């Protein structure tokens, strides 16, 4: 595995919109956990939601990694969008616009 820190710039920042599924799937589990939790928080922030459902977040993380293993060239940010949209659709959740 490759640590996510390998993708950081000289100041230690990772461009999360540039990471690919191959990079996520090829990192250490704890790095993948941290990154997908960050993405989950980012998406919830965009939706103006200020709470977390840990079980659902862990399910989204798992589904994202499964999706990424099958679609290594996809950007992680797009994979998360696809997984979150599917999870909402499966549960009948409609986001307010």
C-alpha atoms as a PDB file:
ATOM      1  CA  UNK A   1       0.000   0.000   0.000  1.00  0.00           C
ATOM      2  CA  UNK A   2       0.938   3.641  -0.573  1.00  0.00           C
ATOM      3  CA  UNK A   3       0.287   6.131   2.242  1.00  0.00           C
ATOM      4  CA  UNK A   4      -1.936   9.052   1.265  1.00  0.00           C
ATOM      5  CA  UNK A   5       0.861  11.352   2.399  1.00  0.00           C
ATOM      6  CA  UNK A   6       2.660  10.358  -0.818  1.00  0.00           C
ATOM      7  CA  UNK A   7       0.093  12.498  -2.697  1.00  0.00           C
ATOM      8  CA  UNK A   8       0.572  15.599  -0.518  1.00  0.00           C
ATOM      9  CA  UNK A   9       2.195  18.781  -1.744  1.00  0.00           C
ATOM     10  CA  UNK A  10       5.280  20.282  -0.107  1.00  0.00           C
ATOM     11  CA  UNK A  11       3.091  21.825   2.613  1.00  0.00           C
ATOM     12  CA  UNK A  12       1.384  18.516   3.425  1.00  0.00           C
ATOM     13  CA  UNK A  13      -1.920  19.231   1.667  1.00  0.00           C
ATOM     14  CA  UNK A  14      -3.692  16.666  -0.515  1.00  0.00           C
ATOM     15  CA  UNK A  15      -5.865  17.876  -3.393  1.00  0.00           C
ATOM     16  CA  UNK A  16      -8.860  15.693  -2.582  1.00  0.00           C
ATOM     17  CA  UNK A  17     -10.558  16.538  -5.871  1.00  0.00           C
ATOM     18  CA  UNK A  18      -7.610  15.094  -7.794  1.00  0.00           C
ATOM     19  CA  UNK A  19      -7.359  11.708  -6.041  1.00  0.00           C
ATOM     20  CA  UNK A  20      -8.383   8.691  -8.072  1.00  0.00           C
ATOM     21  CA  UNK A  21     -10.129   5.557  -6.944  1.00  0.00           C
ATOM     22  CA  UNK A  22      -6.938   3.619  -7.652  1.00  0.00           C
ATOM     23  CA  UNK A  23      -5.116   5.806  -5.143  1.00  0.00           C
ATOM     24  CA  UNK A  24      -7.833   5.326  -2.511  1.00  0.00           C
ATOM     25  CA  UNK A  25      -8.031   1.576  -3.082  1.00  0.00           C
ATOM     26  CA  UNK A  26      -4.234   1.307  -3.002  1.00  0.00           C
ATOM     27  CA  UNK A  27      -3.668   3.049   0.323  1.00  0.00           C
ATOM     28  CA  UNK A  28      -3.649   1.796   3.898  1.00  0.00           C
ATOM     29  CA  UNK A  29      -7.064   1.073   5.431  1.00  0.00           C
ATOM     30  CA  UNK A  30      -6.649   3.782   8.084  1.00  0.00           C
ATOM     31  CA  UNK A  31      -5.828   6.341   5.367  1.00  0.00           C
ATOM     32  CA  UNK A  32      -8.861   5.254   3.347  1.00  0.00           C
ATOM     33  CA  UNK A  33     -11.003   5.495   6.502  1.00  0.00           C
ATOM     34  CA  UNK A  34      -9.776   9.009   7.249  1.00  0.00           C
ATOM     35  CA  UNK A  35     -10.225  10.204   3.686  1.00  0.00           C
ATOM     36  CA  UNK A  36     -13.720   8.815   3.183  1.00  0.00           C
ATOM     37  CA  UNK A  37     -14.807  10.245   6.543  1.00  0.00           C
ATOM     38  CA  UNK A  38     -13.471  13.628   5.408  1.00  0.00           C
ATOM     39  CA  UNK A  39     -15.432  13.349   2.158  1.00  0.00           C
ATOM     40  CA  UNK A  40     -18.563  12.402   4.097  1.00  0.00           C
ATOM     41  CA  UNK A  41     -18.214  15.509   6.250  1.00  0.00           C
ATOM     42  CA  UNK A  42     -17.567  17.655   3.201  1.00  0.00           C
ATOM     43  CA  UNK A  43     -20.726  16.389   1.489  1.00  0.00           C
ATOM     44  CA  UNK A  44     -22.784  16.864   4.647  1.00  0.00           C
ATOM     45  CA  UNK A  45     -21.441  20.399   4.913  1.00  0.00           C
ATOM     46  CA  UNK A  46     -22.507  21.124   1.339  1.00  0.00           C
ATOM     47  CA  UNK A  47     -25.990  19.852   2.234  1.00  0.00           C
ATOM     48  CA  UNK A  48     -25.953  22.032   5.367  1.00  0.00           C
ATOM     49  CA  UNK A  49     -26.315  18.972   7.582  1.00  0.00           C
ATOM     50  CA  UNK A  50     -24.527  19.194  10.901  1.00  0.00           C
ATOM     51  CA  UNK A  51     -24.829  15.643  12.150  1.00  0.00           C
ATOM     52  CA  UNK A  52     -23.496  12.179  11.358  1.00  0.00           C
ATOM     53  CA  UNK A  53     -24.985   8.713  11.245  1.00  0.00           C
ATOM     54  CA  UNK A  54     -21.911   6.594  11.980  1.00  0.00           C
ATOM     55  CA  UNK A  55     -23.402   3.350  10.662  1.00  0.00           C
ATOM     56  CA  UNK A  56     -24.400   5.040   7.411  1.00  0.00           C
ATOM     57  CA  UNK A  57     -21.002   6.747   7.116  1.00  0.00           C
ATOM     58  CA  UNK A  58     -19.234   3.399   7.501  1.00  0.00           C
ATOM     59  CA  UNK A  59     -21.561   1.841   4.922  1.00  0.00           C
ATOM     60  CA  UNK A  60     -20.820   4.703   2.504  1.00  0.00           C
ATOM     61  CA  UNK A  61     -17.104   4.228   3.100  1.00  0.00           C
ATOM     62  CA  UNK A  62     -17.332   0.514   2.353  1.00  0.00           C
ATOM     63  CA  UNK A  63     -19.460   1.069  -0.763  1.00  0.00           C
ATOM     64  CA  UNK A  64     -17.073   3.755  -1.994  1.00  0.00           C
ATOM     65  CA  UNK A  65     -14.076   1.460  -1.682  1.00  0.00           C
ATOM     66  CA  UNK A  66     -15.973  -1.342  -3.447  1.00  0.00           C
ATOM     67  CA  UNK A  67     -16.918   1.094  -6.221  1.00  0.00           C
ATOM     68  CA  UNK A  68     -13.349   2.384  -6.433  1.00  0.00           C
ATOM     69  CA  UNK A  69     -11.877  -1.084  -6.776  1.00  0.00           C
ATOM     70  CA  UNK A  70     -14.196  -1.661  -9.755  1.00  0.00           C
ATOM     71  CA  UNK A  71     -13.591   1.822 -11.246  1.00  0.00           C
ATOM     72  CA  UNK A  72      -9.950   2.732 -10.557  1.00  0.00           C
ATOM     73  CA  UNK A  73      -9.769   5.670 -12.999  1.00  0.00           C
ATOM     74  CA  UNK A  74     -12.736   7.499 -11.444  1.00  0.00           C
ATOM     75  CA  UNK A  75     -11.967  10.441  -9.171  1.00  0.00           C
ATOM     76  CA  UNK A  76     -12.820   9.654  -5.545  1.00  0.00           C
ATOM     77  CA  UNK A  77     -14.987  12.774  -5.370  1.00  0.00           C
ATOM     78  CA  UNK A  78     -17.138  11.398  -8.236  1.00  0.00           C
ATOM     79  CA  UNK A  79     -17.273   7.930  -6.679  1.00  0.00           C
ATOM     80  CA  UNK A  80     -18.542   9.426  -3.412  1.00  0.00           C
ATOM     81  CA  UNK A  81     -21.206  11.359  -5.308  1.00  0.00           C
ATOM     82  CA  UNK A  82     -22.344   8.186  -7.073  1.00  0.00           C
ATOM     83  CA  UNK A  83     -22.384   6.140  -3.849  1.00  0.00           C
ATOM     84  CA  UNK A  84     -24.198   8.847  -1.850  1.00  0.00           C
ATOM     85  CA  UNK A  85     -26.783   9.343  -4.610  1.00  0.00           C
ATOM     86  CA  UNK A  86     -27.441   5.594  -4.747  1.00  0.00           C
ATOM     87  CA  UNK A  87     -27.734   5.315  -0.970  1.00  0.00           C
ATOM     88  CA  UNK A  88     -30.212   8.227  -0.873  1.00  0.00           C
ATOM     89  CA  UNK A  89     -32.232   6.769  -3.737  1.00  0.00           C
ATOM     90  CA  UNK A  90     -32.334   3.321  -2.098  1.00  0.00           C
ATOM     91  CA  UNK A  91     -33.673   4.929   1.110  1.00  0.00           C
ATOM     92  CA  UNK A  92     -36.074   7.337  -0.592  1.00  0.00           C
ATOM     93  CA  UNK A  93     -34.157  10.362   0.723  1.00  0.00           C
ATOM     94  CA  UNK A  94     -34.720  13.547  -1.260  1.00  0.00           C
ATOM     95  CA  UNK A  95     -32.438  16.511  -0.682  1.00  0.00           C
ATOM     96  CA  UNK A  96     -34.024  19.925  -0.401  1.00  0.00           C
ATOM     97  CA  UNK A  97     -32.869  22.286  -3.121  1.00  0.00           C
END
